[in-house]
Amino acid sequence: MPYVIRFFQFWYDFVVGDDWSVAAGVLAALVVTFVLARHGVAAWWLLPACVIVVLFTSLRRSIRRSG
């Protein structure tokens, strides 16, 4: 049983890491892209745009904390 717990702890740490908001933002972008694509919208551009916004927001928050 400890192996299973460590396995899930590894994946949680790998996906979420230090900032859960980045993981939540990327997951939300994936869901919205999926929903739009299922409704026939060309949503290929949405995921890269959301990742850029999430990255910029995370970097800005990190810079404000450190300085």
PDB file of N, CA and C in Angstrom:
ATOM      1  N   MET A   1       0.802  -1.202   0.000  1.00  0.00           N
ATOM      2  CA  MET A   1       0.000   0.000   0.000  1.00  0.00           C
ATOM      3  C   MET A   1       0.852   1.276   0.000  1.00  0.00           C
ATOM      4  N   PRO A   2       1.996   1.317   0.682  1.00  0.00           N
ATOM      5  CA  PRO A   2       2.804   2.537   0.630  1.00  0.00           C
ATOM      6  C   PRO A   2       3.278   2.871  -0.784  1.00  0.00           C
ATOM      7  N   TYR A   3       3.429   1.844  -1.635  1.00  0.00           N
ATOM      8  CA  TYR A   3       3.854   2.089  -3.008  1.00  0.00           C
ATOM      9  C   TYR A   3       2.783   2.846  -3.777  1.00  0.00           C
ATOM     10  N   VAL A   4       1.549   2.509  -3.535  1.00  0.00           N
ATOM     11  CA  VAL A   4       0.442   3.184  -4.213  1.00  0.00           C
ATOM     12  C   VAL A   4       0.365   4.637  -3.765  1.00  0.00           C
ATOM     13  N   ILE A   5       0.506   4.871  -2.492  1.00  0.00           N
ATOM     14  CA  ILE A   5       0.458   6.234  -1.954  1.00  0.00           C
ATOM     15  C   ILE A   5       1.599   7.061  -2.530  1.00  0.00           C
ATOM     16  N   ARG A   6       2.794   6.498  -2.563  1.00  0.00           N
ATOM     17  CA  ARG A   6       3.938   7.227  -3.115  1.00  0.00           C
ATOM     18  C   ARG A   6       3.778   7.484  -4.608  1.00  0.00           C
ATOM     19  N   PHE A   7       3.149   6.541  -5.308  1.00  0.00           N
ATOM     20  CA  PHE A   7       2.891   6.714  -6.734  1.00  0.00           C
ATOM     21  C   PHE A   7       2.000   7.932  -6.972  1.00  0.00           C
ATOM     22  N   PHE A   8       0.910   8.030  -6.229  1.00  0.00           N
ATOM     23  CA  PHE A   8       0.010   9.168  -6.391  1.00  0.00           C
ATOM     24  C   PHE A   8       0.623  10.461  -5.874  1.00  0.00           C
ATOM     25  N   GLN A   9       1.433  10.384  -4.853  1.00  0.00           N
ATOM     26  CA  GLN A   9       2.129  11.578  -4.375  1.00  0.00           C
ATOM     27  C   GLN A   9       3.096  12.105  -5.436  1.00  0.00           C
ATOM     28  N   PHE A  10       3.783  11.190  -6.116  1.00  0.00           N
ATOM     29  CA  PHE A  10       4.677  11.597  -7.186  1.00  0.00           C
ATOM     30  C   PHE A  10       3.914  12.323  -8.284  1.00  0.00           C
ATOM     31  N   TRP A  11       2.800  11.749  -8.741  1.00  0.00           N
ATOM     32  CA  TRP A  11       2.047  12.369  -9.826  1.00  0.00           C
ATOM     33  C   TRP A  11       1.427  13.685  -9.406  1.00  0.00           C
ATOM     34  N   TYR A  12       0.977  13.785  -8.165  1.00  0.00           N
ATOM     35  CA  TYR A  12       0.447  15.056  -7.671  1.00  0.00           C
ATOM     36  C   TYR A  12       1.548  16.115  -7.674  1.00  0.00           C
ATOM     37  N   ASP A  13       2.711  15.759  -7.175  1.00  0.00           N
ATOM     38  CA  ASP A  13       3.828  16.701  -7.138  1.00  0.00           C
ATOM     39  C   ASP A  13       4.295  17.052  -8.541  1.00  0.00           C
ATOM     40  N   PHE A  14       4.272  16.105  -9.463  1.00  0.00           N
ATOM     41  CA  PHE A  14       4.700  16.337 -10.837  1.00  0.00           C
ATOM     42  C   PHE A  14       3.735  17.259 -11.570  1.00  0.00           C
ATOM     43  N   VAL A  15       2.438  17.043 -11.403  1.00  0.00           N
ATOM     44  CA  VAL A  15       1.440  17.832 -12.123  1.00  0.00           C
ATOM     45  C   VAL A  15       1.208  19.177 -11.453  1.00  0.00           C
ATOM     46  N   VAL A  16       1.019  19.181 -10.150  1.00  0.00           N
ATOM     47  CA  VAL A  16       0.692  20.424  -9.446  1.00  0.00           C
ATOM     48  C   VAL A  16       1.950  21.203  -9.125  1.00  0.00           C
ATOM     49  N   GLY A  17       2.950  20.547  -8.614  1.00  0.00           N
ATOM     50  CA  GLY A  17       4.210  21.219  -8.314  1.00  0.00           C
ATOM     51  C   GLY A  17       4.076  22.231  -7.195  1.00  0.00           C
ATOM     52  N   ASP A  18       4.677  23.397  -7.392  1.00  0.00           N
ATOM     53  CA  ASP A  18       4.668  24.432  -6.371  1.00  0.00           C
ATOM     54  C   ASP A  18       3.441  25.337  -6.446  1.00  0.00           C
ATOM     55  N   ASP A  19       2.798  25.397  -7.588  1.00  0.00           N
ATOM     56  CA  ASP A  19       1.709  26.355  -7.780  1.00  0.00           C
ATOM     57  C   ASP A  19       0.492  25.638  -8.359  1.00  0.00           C
ATOM     58  N   TRP A  20      -0.504  25.435  -7.520  1.00  0.00           N
ATOM     59  CA  TRP A  20      -1.704  24.723  -7.964  1.00  0.00           C
ATOM     60  C   TRP A  20      -2.500  25.534  -8.977  1.00  0.00           C
ATOM     61  N   SER A  21      -2.355  26.858  -8.973  1.00  0.00           N
ATOM     62  CA  SER A  21      -3.143  27.674  -9.887  1.00  0.00           C
ATOM     63  C   SER A  21      -2.714  27.465 -11.346  1.00  0.00           C
ATOM     64  N   VAL A  22      -1.463  27.148 -11.575  1.00  0.00           N
ATOM     65  CA  VAL A  22      -1.001  26.859 -12.942  1.00  0.00           C
ATOM     66  C   VAL A  22      -1.654  25.564 -13.435  1.00  0.00           C
ATOM     67  N   ALA A  23      -1.661  24.551 -12.600  1.00  0.00           N
ATOM     68  CA  ALA A  23      -2.287  23.288 -12.984  1.00  0.00           C
ATOM     69  C   ALA A  23      -3.782  23.477 -13.218  1.00  0.00           C
ATOM     70  N   ALA A  24      -4.439  24.261 -12.367  1.00  0.00           N
ATOM     71  CA  ALA A  24      -5.869  24.513 -12.529  1.00  0.00           C
ATOM     72  C   ALA A  24      -6.147  25.310 -13.803  1.00  0.00           C
ATOM     73  N   GLY A  25      -5.301  26.280 -14.113  1.00  0.00           N
ATOM     74  CA  GLY A  25      -5.480  27.069 -15.326  1.00  0.00           C
ATOM     75  C   GLY A  25      -5.315  26.243 -16.584  1.00  0.00           C
ATOM     76  N   VAL A  26      -4.315  25.397 -16.598  1.00  0.00           N
ATOM     77  CA  VAL A  26      -4.093  24.540 -17.768  1.00  0.00           C
ATOM     78  C   VAL A  26      -5.219  23.524 -17.901  1.00  0.00           C
ATOM     79  N   LEU A  27      -5.675  22.969 -16.787  1.00  0.00           N
ATOM     80  CA  LEU A  27      -6.799  22.026 -16.838  1.00  0.00           C
ATOM     81  C   LEU A  27      -8.059  22.719 -17.353  1.00  0.00           C
ATOM     82  N   ALA A  28      -8.336  23.925 -16.883  1.00  0.00           N
ATOM     83  CA  ALA A  28      -9.501  24.671 -17.364  1.00  0.00           C
ATOM     84  C   ALA A  28      -9.379  24.955 -18.858  1.00  0.00           C
ATOM     85  N   ALA A  29      -8.187  25.309 -19.317  1.00  0.00           N
ATOM     86  CA  ALA A  29      -7.971  25.567 -20.744  1.00  0.00           C
ATOM     87  C   ALA A  29      -8.198  24.304 -21.567  1.00  0.00           C
ATOM     88  N   LEU A  30      -7.748  23.168 -21.056  1.00  0.00           N
ATOM     89  CA  LEU A  30      -7.974  21.901 -21.756  1.00  0.00           C
ATOM     90  C   LEU A  30      -9.457  21.581 -21.863  1.00  0.00           C
ATOM     91  N   VAL A  31     -10.186  21.790 -20.782  1.00  0.00           N
ATOM     92  CA  VAL A  31     -11.622  21.499 -20.778  1.00  0.00           C
ATOM     93  C   VAL A  31     -12.360  22.413 -21.746  1.00  0.00           C
ATOM     94  N   VAL A  32     -12.062  23.711 -21.704  1.00  0.00           N
ATOM     95  CA  VAL A  32     -12.738  24.653 -22.604  1.00  0.00           C
ATOM     96  C   VAL A  32     -12.391  24.347 -24.061  1.00  0.00           C
ATOM     97  N   THR A  33     -11.145  24.032 -24.338  1.00  0.00           N
ATOM     98  CA  THR A  33     -10.745  23.671 -25.696  1.00  0.00           C
ATOM     99  C   THR A  33     -11.480  22.431 -26.168  1.00  0.00           C
ATOM    100  N   PHE A  34     -11.599  21.439 -25.301  1.00  0.00           N
ATOM    101  CA  PHE A  34     -12.322  20.213 -25.641  1.00  0.00           C
ATOM    102  C   PHE A  34     -13.788  20.502 -25.945  1.00  0.00           C
ATOM    103  N   VAL A  35     -14.421  21.295 -25.099  1.00  0.00           N
ATOM    104  CA  VAL A  35     -15.847  21.600 -25.293  1.00  0.00           C
ATOM    105  C   VAL A  35     -16.061  22.365 -26.592  1.00  0.00           C
ATOM    106  N   LEU A  36     -15.217  23.356 -26.845  1.00  0.00           N
ATOM    107  CA  LEU A  36     -15.357  24.112 -28.091  1.00  0.00           C
ATOM    108  C   LEU A  36     -15.121  23.233 -29.314  1.00  0.00           C
ATOM    109  N   ALA A  37     -14.139  22.367 -29.249  1.00  0.00           N
ATOM    110  CA  ALA A  37     -13.844  21.478 -30.380  1.00  0.00           C
ATOM    111  C   ALA A  37     -14.994  20.503 -30.626  1.00  0.00           C
ATOM    112  N   ARG A  38     -15.626  20.050 -29.554  1.00  0.00           N
ATOM    113  CA  ARG A  38     -16.768  19.135 -29.707  1.00  0.00           C
ATOM    114  C   ARG A  38     -17.974  19.822 -30.348  1.00  0.00           C
ATOM    115  N   HIS A  39     -18.029  21.152 -30.226  1.00  0.00           N
ATOM    116  CA  HIS A  39     -19.128  21.902 -30.826  1.00  0.00           C
ATOM    117  C   HIS A  39     -18.765  22.478 -32.193  1.00  0.00           C
ATOM    118  N   GLY A  40     -17.671  22.024 -32.748  1.00  0.00           N
ATOM    119  CA  GLY A  40     -17.307  22.396 -34.105  1.00  0.00           C
ATOM    120  C   GLY A  40     -16.535  23.696 -34.249  1.00  0.00           C
ATOM    121  N   VAL A  41     -16.083  24.261 -33.145  1.00  0.00           N
ATOM    122  CA  VAL A  41     -15.312  25.502 -33.203  1.00  0.00           C
ATOM    123  C   VAL A  41     -13.832  25.157 -33.372  1.00  0.00           C
ATOM    124  N   ALA A  42     -13.165  25.873 -34.238  1.00  0.00           N
ATOM    125  CA  ALA A  42     -11.721  25.673 -34.413  1.00  0.00           C
ATOM    126  C   ALA A  42     -11.003  26.310 -33.222  1.00  0.00           C
ATOM    127  N   ALA A  43     -10.725  25.520 -32.215  1.00  0.00           N
ATOM    128  CA  ALA A  43     -10.197  26.038 -30.949  1.00  0.00           C
ATOM    129  C   ALA A  43      -8.729  25.692 -30.750  1.00  0.00           C
ATOM    130  N   TRP A  44      -8.005  25.435 -31.807  1.00  0.00           N
ATOM    131  CA  TRP A  44      -6.593  25.056 -31.676  1.00  0.00           C
ATOM    132  C   TRP A  44      -5.766  26.178 -31.063  1.00  0.00           C
ATOM    133  N   TRP A  45      -6.181  27.409 -31.237  1.00  0.00           N
ATOM    134  CA  TRP A  45      -5.439  28.577 -30.770  1.00  0.00           C
ATOM    135  C   TRP A  45      -5.642  28.851 -29.281  1.00  0.00           C
ATOM    136  N   LEU A  46      -6.703  28.309 -28.695  1.00  0.00           N
ATOM    137  CA  LEU A  46      -7.061  28.655 -27.322  1.00  0.00           C
ATOM    138  C   LEU A  46      -6.055  28.117 -26.303  1.00  0.00           C
ATOM    139  N   LEU A  47      -5.646  26.892 -26.443  1.00  0.00           N
ATOM    140  CA  LEU A  47      -4.736  26.291 -25.466  1.00  0.00           C
ATOM    141  C   LEU A  47      -3.382  27.010 -25.411  1.00  0.00           C
ATOM    142  N   PRO A  48      -2.712  27.273 -26.526  1.00  0.00           N
ATOM    143  CA  PRO A  48      -1.447  28.025 -26.425  1.00  0.00           C
ATOM    144  C   PRO A  48      -1.634  29.419 -25.827  1.00  0.00           C
ATOM    145  N   ALA A  49      -2.731  30.082 -26.168  1.00  0.00           N
ATOM    146  CA  ALA A  49      -2.984  31.414 -25.618  1.00  0.00           C
ATOM    147  C   ALA A  49      -3.192  31.348 -24.106  1.00  0.00           C
ATOM    148  N   CYS A  50      -3.948  30.370 -23.648  1.00  0.00           N
ATOM    149  CA  CYS A  50      -4.180  30.225 -22.204  1.00  0.00           C
ATOM    150  C   CYS A  50      -2.896  29.878 -21.464  1.00  0.00           C
ATOM    151  N   VAL A  51      -2.064  29.043 -22.047  1.00  0.00           N
ATOM    152  CA  VAL A  51      -0.799  28.688 -21.406  1.00  0.00           C
ATOM    153  C   VAL A  51       0.095  29.921 -21.281  1.00  0.00           C
ATOM    154  N   ILE A  52       0.111  30.766 -22.288  1.00  0.00           N
ATOM    155  CA  ILE A  52       0.902  31.996 -22.213  1.00  0.00           C
ATOM    156  C   ILE A  52       0.379  32.906 -21.113  1.00  0.00           C
ATOM    157  N   VAL A  53      -0.939  33.049 -21.019  1.00  0.00           N
ATOM    158  CA  VAL A  53      -1.539  33.895 -19.978  1.00  0.00           C
ATOM    159  C   VAL A  53      -1.252  33.336 -18.590  1.00  0.00           C
ATOM    160  N   VAL A  54      -1.399  32.025 -18.424  1.00  0.00           N
ATOM    161  CA  VAL A  54      -1.140  31.398 -17.124  1.00  0.00           C
ATOM    162  C   VAL A  54       0.330  31.541 -16.747  1.00  0.00           C
ATOM    163  N   LEU A  55       1.225  31.352 -17.697  1.00  0.00           N
ATOM    164  CA  LEU A  55       2.647  31.504 -17.441  1.00  0.00           C
ATOM    165  C   LEU A  55       2.989  32.938 -17.045  1.00  0.00           C
ATOM    166  N   PHE A  56       2.468  33.911 -17.777  1.00  0.00           N
ATOM    167  CA  PHE A  56       2.718  35.314 -17.467  1.00  0.00           C
ATOM    168  C   PHE A  56       2.201  35.663 -16.073  1.00  0.00           C
ATOM    169  N   THR A  57       0.995  35.202 -15.754  1.00  0.00           N
ATOM    170  CA  THR A  57       0.414  35.475 -14.434  1.00  0.00           C
ATOM    171  C   THR A  57       1.240  34.846 -13.329  1.00  0.00           C
ATOM    172  N   SER A  58       1.689  33.625 -13.527  1.00  0.00           N
ATOM    173  CA  SER A  58       2.493  32.947 -12.521  1.00  0.00           C
ATOM    174  C   SER A  58       3.836  33.647 -12.320  1.00  0.00           C
ATOM    175  N   LEU A  59       4.472  34.046 -13.409  1.00  0.00           N
ATOM    176  CA  LEU A  59       5.752  34.743 -13.299  1.00  0.00           C
ATOM    177  C   LEU A  59       5.595  36.088 -12.603  1.00  0.00           C
ATOM    178  N   ARG A  60       4.541  36.817 -12.939  1.00  0.00           N
ATOM    179  CA  ARG A  60       4.305  38.119 -12.316  1.00  0.00           C
ATOM    180  C   ARG A  60       4.064  37.968 -10.814  1.00  0.00           C
ATOM    181  N   ARG A  61       3.288  36.967 -10.431  1.00  0.00           N
ATOM    182  CA  ARG A  61       3.031  36.708  -9.013  1.00  0.00           C
ATOM    183  C   ARG A  61       4.318  36.320  -8.285  1.00  0.00           C
ATOM    184  N   SER A  62       5.154  35.518  -8.929  1.00  0.00           N
ATOM    185  CA  SER A  62       6.412  35.098  -8.330  1.00  0.00           C
ATOM    186  C   SER A  62       7.370  36.273  -8.152  1.00  0.00           C
ATOM    187  N   ILE A  63       7.420  37.157  -9.140  1.00  0.00           N
ATOM    188  CA  ILE A  63       8.300  38.330  -9.043  1.00  0.00           C
ATOM    189  C   ILE A  63       7.837  39.249  -7.927  1.00  0.00           C
ATOM    190  N   ARG A  64       6.529  39.422  -7.782  1.00  0.00           N
ATOM    191  CA  ARG A  64       6.016  40.278  -6.719  1.00  0.00           C
ATOM    192  C   ARG A  64       6.336  39.725  -5.332  1.00  0.00           C
ATOM    193  N   ARG A  65       6.288  38.390  -5.195  1.00  0.00           N
ATOM    194  CA  ARG A  65       6.601  37.768  -3.904  1.00  0.00           C
ATOM    195  C   ARG A  65       8.063  37.939  -3.540  1.00  0.00           C
ATOM    196  N   SER A  66       8.944  37.830  -4.530  1.00  0.00           N
ATOM    197  CA  SER A  66      10.379  37.852  -4.232  1.00  0.00           C
ATOM    198  C   SER A  66      10.940  39.264  -4.087  1.00  0.00           C
ATOM    199  N   GLY A  67      10.267  40.216  -4.613  1.00  0.00           N
ATOM    200  CA  GLY A  67      10.860  41.546  -4.590  1.00  0.00           C
ATOM    201  C   GLY A  67       9.991  42.548  -4.032  1.00  0.00           C
TER     202      GLY A  67
END
